[in-house]
């Protein structure tokens, strides 16, 4: 029974992450009418930044929830800055372009 509960919670966690990514795709497509294929890349970069920050904080002696909170904050800030830069460099210049150009840029 414990194994079933563990599998259930693991599936619920993974499903929540997938739902969050799908919600991001839906919001971006609803606003700019363009599928942003870099959405997963931004999510992955945020995850790797959180992993690196948590490793560095562990080396410096941080423990427990403080690592999680600090790593999540740094990852969110980094991913937001990366997404903003990507939008400014790749998507904003193509606002008036034909429909295929932003799709290729994505």
C-alpha atoms as a PDB file:
ATOM      1  CA  UNK A   1       0.000   0.000   0.000  1.00  0.00           C
ATOM      2  CA  UNK A   2       2.870   2.367   0.761  1.00  0.00           C
ATOM      3  CA  UNK A   3       4.299   1.727  -2.683  1.00  0.00           C
ATOM      4  CA  UNK A   4       0.975   2.632  -4.284  1.00  0.00           C
ATOM      5  CA  UNK A   5       0.793   5.905  -2.340  1.00  0.00           C
ATOM      6  CA  UNK A   6       4.364   6.723  -3.341  1.00  0.00           C
ATOM      7  CA  UNK A   7       3.595   6.030  -7.005  1.00  0.00           C
ATOM      8  CA  UNK A   8       0.398   8.065  -6.785  1.00  0.00           C
ATOM      9  CA  UNK A   9       2.187  11.087  -5.314  1.00  0.00           C
ATOM     10  CA  UNK A  10       5.010  10.772  -7.843  1.00  0.00           C
ATOM     11  CA  UNK A  11       2.502  10.674 -10.706  1.00  0.00           C
ATOM     12  CA  UNK A  12       0.605  13.614  -9.255  1.00  0.00           C
ATOM     13  CA  UNK A  13       3.808  15.643  -9.010  1.00  0.00           C
ATOM     14  CA  UNK A  14       4.896  14.811 -12.552  1.00  0.00           C
ATOM     15  CA  UNK A  15       1.418  15.493 -13.910  1.00  0.00           C
ATOM     16  CA  UNK A  16       1.390  18.875 -12.163  1.00  0.00           C
ATOM     17  CA  UNK A  17       4.669  19.800 -13.826  1.00  0.00           C
ATOM     18  CA  UNK A  18       3.332  18.762 -17.240  1.00  0.00           C
ATOM     19  CA  UNK A  19       0.141  20.739 -16.611  1.00  0.00           C
ATOM     20  CA  UNK A  20       2.167  23.816 -15.690  1.00  0.00           C
ATOM     21  CA  UNK A  21       4.189  23.571 -18.908  1.00  0.00           C
ATOM     22  CA  UNK A  22       1.010  23.069 -20.958  1.00  0.00           C
ATOM     23  CA  UNK A  23      -0.562  26.083 -19.272  1.00  0.00           C
ATOM     24  CA  UNK A  24       2.463  28.150 -20.304  1.00  0.00           C
ATOM     25  CA  UNK A  25       2.120  26.991 -23.919  1.00  0.00           C
ATOM     26  CA  UNK A  26      -1.592  27.815 -23.877  1.00  0.00           C
ATOM     27  CA  UNK A  27      -1.092  31.283 -22.414  1.00  0.00           C
ATOM     28  CA  UNK A  28       1.664  32.194 -24.867  1.00  0.00           C
ATOM     29  CA  UNK A  29      -0.332  30.940 -27.848  1.00  0.00           C
ATOM     30  CA  UNK A  30      -3.458  32.740 -26.640  1.00  0.00           C
ATOM     31  CA  UNK A  31      -1.660  36.063 -26.310  1.00  0.00           C
ATOM     32  CA  UNK A  32       0.710  36.216 -29.290  1.00  0.00           C
ATOM     33  CA  UNK A  33      -0.881  33.555 -31.546  1.00  0.00           C
ATOM     34  CA  UNK A  34       2.485  31.795 -31.900  1.00  0.00           C
ATOM     35  CA  UNK A  35       3.697  28.507 -30.480  1.00  0.00           C
ATOM     36  CA  UNK A  36       6.913  29.204 -28.630  1.00  0.00           C
ATOM     37  CA  UNK A  37       9.075  26.106 -29.061  1.00  0.00           C
ATOM     38  CA  UNK A  38      11.688  27.641 -26.749  1.00  0.00           C
ATOM     39  CA  UNK A  39       9.262  27.319 -23.822  1.00  0.00           C
ATOM     40  CA  UNK A  40      10.708  23.943 -22.856  1.00  0.00           C
ATOM     41  CA  UNK A  41      14.225  25.286 -23.226  1.00  0.00           C
ATOM     42  CA  UNK A  42      13.512  28.092 -20.776  1.00  0.00           C
ATOM     43  CA  UNK A  43      11.997  25.581 -18.340  1.00  0.00           C
ATOM     44  CA  UNK A  44      15.075  23.341 -18.673  1.00  0.00           C
ATOM     45  CA  UNK A  45      17.482  26.233 -18.108  1.00  0.00           C
ATOM     46  CA  UNK A  46      15.587  27.199 -14.960  1.00  0.00           C
ATOM     47  CA  UNK A  47      15.820  23.613 -13.690  1.00  0.00           C
ATOM     48  CA  UNK A  48      19.562  23.431 -14.333  1.00  0.00           C
ATOM     49  CA  UNK A  49      20.134  26.800 -12.661  1.00  0.00           C
ATOM     50  CA  UNK A  50      18.208  25.552  -9.611  1.00  0.00           C
ATOM     51  CA  UNK A  51      20.327  22.383  -9.574  1.00  0.00           C
ATOM     52  CA  UNK A  52      23.593  24.325  -9.765  1.00  0.00           C
ATOM     53  CA  UNK A  53      22.519  26.869  -7.147  1.00  0.00           C
ATOM     54  CA  UNK A  54      21.393  24.129  -4.756  1.00  0.00           C
ATOM     55  CA  UNK A  55      24.750  22.383  -5.186  1.00  0.00           C
ATOM     56  CA  UNK A  56      26.667  25.580  -4.489  1.00  0.00           C
ATOM     57  CA  UNK A  57      24.508  26.379  -1.459  1.00  0.00           C
ATOM     58  CA  UNK A  58      25.065  22.872  -0.107  1.00  0.00           C
ATOM     59  CA  UNK A  59      28.823  23.346  -0.396  1.00  0.00           C
ATOM     60  CA  UNK A  60      28.562  26.593   1.585  1.00  0.00           C
ATOM     61  CA  UNK A  61      26.658  24.893   4.394  1.00  0.00           C
ATOM     62  CA  UNK A  62      23.036  25.817   3.733  1.00  0.00           C
ATOM     63  CA  UNK A  63      20.553  23.115   4.684  1.00  0.00           C
ATOM     64  CA  UNK A  64      16.881  22.275   4.460  1.00  0.00           C
ATOM     65  CA  UNK A  65      14.203  24.494   3.025  1.00  0.00           C
ATOM     66  CA  UNK A  66      16.523  27.494   2.667  1.00  0.00           C
ATOM     67  CA  UNK A  67      18.260  25.745  -0.247  1.00  0.00           C
ATOM     68  CA  UNK A  68      14.943  25.091  -1.964  1.00  0.00           C
ATOM     69  CA  UNK A  69      13.697  28.651  -1.550  1.00  0.00           C
ATOM     70  CA  UNK A  70      16.924  30.333  -2.657  1.00  0.00           C
ATOM     71  CA  UNK A  71      17.465  27.974  -5.596  1.00  0.00           C
ATOM     72  CA  UNK A  72      13.877  28.451  -6.785  1.00  0.00           C
ATOM     73  CA  UNK A  73      14.135  32.244  -6.533  1.00  0.00           C
ATOM     74  CA  UNK A  74      17.414  32.388  -8.453  1.00  0.00           C
ATOM     75  CA  UNK A  75      16.098  29.969 -11.097  1.00  0.00           C
ATOM     76  CA  UNK A  76      12.903  31.998 -11.598  1.00  0.00           C
ATOM     77  CA  UNK A  77      14.820  35.249 -11.936  1.00  0.00           C
ATOM     78  CA  UNK A  78      17.303  33.703 -14.377  1.00  0.00           C
ATOM     79  CA  UNK A  79      14.596  32.035 -16.481  1.00  0.00           C
ATOM     80  CA  UNK A  80      12.560  35.257 -16.593  1.00  0.00           C
ATOM     81  CA  UNK A  81      15.598  37.263 -17.700  1.00  0.00           C
ATOM     82  CA  UNK A  82      16.437  34.639 -20.326  1.00  0.00           C
ATOM     83  CA  UNK A  83      12.857  34.616 -21.632  1.00  0.00           C
ATOM     84  CA  UNK A  84      12.727  38.409 -21.783  1.00  0.00           C
ATOM     85  CA  UNK A  85      16.032  38.540 -23.663  1.00  0.00           C
ATOM     86  CA  UNK A  86      14.854  35.865 -26.084  1.00  0.00           C
ATOM     87  CA  UNK A  87      11.633  37.748 -26.738  1.00  0.00           C
ATOM     88  CA  UNK A  88      13.476  41.020 -27.266  1.00  0.00           C
ATOM     89  CA  UNK A  89      16.075  39.537 -29.634  1.00  0.00           C
ATOM     90  CA  UNK A  90      14.109  36.870 -31.527  1.00  0.00           C
ATOM     91  CA  UNK A  91      10.398  37.696 -31.438  1.00  0.00           C
ATOM     92  CA  UNK A  92       9.964  41.456 -31.166  1.00  0.00           C
ATOM     93  CA  UNK A  93      11.745  42.238 -34.467  1.00  0.00           C
ATOM     94  CA  UNK A  94       9.433  39.756 -36.225  1.00  0.00           C
ATOM     95  CA  UNK A  95       6.097  41.165 -34.997  1.00  0.00           C
ATOM     96  CA  UNK A  96       5.024  42.477 -38.404  1.00  0.00           C
ATOM     97  CA  UNK A  97       6.629  39.687 -40.426  1.00  0.00           C
ATOM     98  CA  UNK A  98       4.703  36.966 -42.252  1.00  0.00           C
ATOM     99  CA  UNK A  99       3.302  34.181 -40.075  1.00  0.00           C
ATOM    100  CA  UNK A 100       6.032  31.657 -40.956  1.00  0.00           C
ATOM    101  CA  UNK A 101       9.003  33.836 -39.907  1.00  0.00           C
ATOM    102  CA  UNK A 102       8.319  33.848 -36.140  1.00  0.00           C
ATOM    103  CA  UNK A 103       7.588  30.133 -36.298  1.00  0.00           C
ATOM    104  CA  UNK A 104      11.011  29.484 -37.837  1.00  0.00           C
ATOM    105  CA  UNK A 105      12.577  31.791 -35.244  1.00  0.00           C
ATOM    106  CA  UNK A 106      10.932  29.795 -32.463  1.00  0.00           C
END
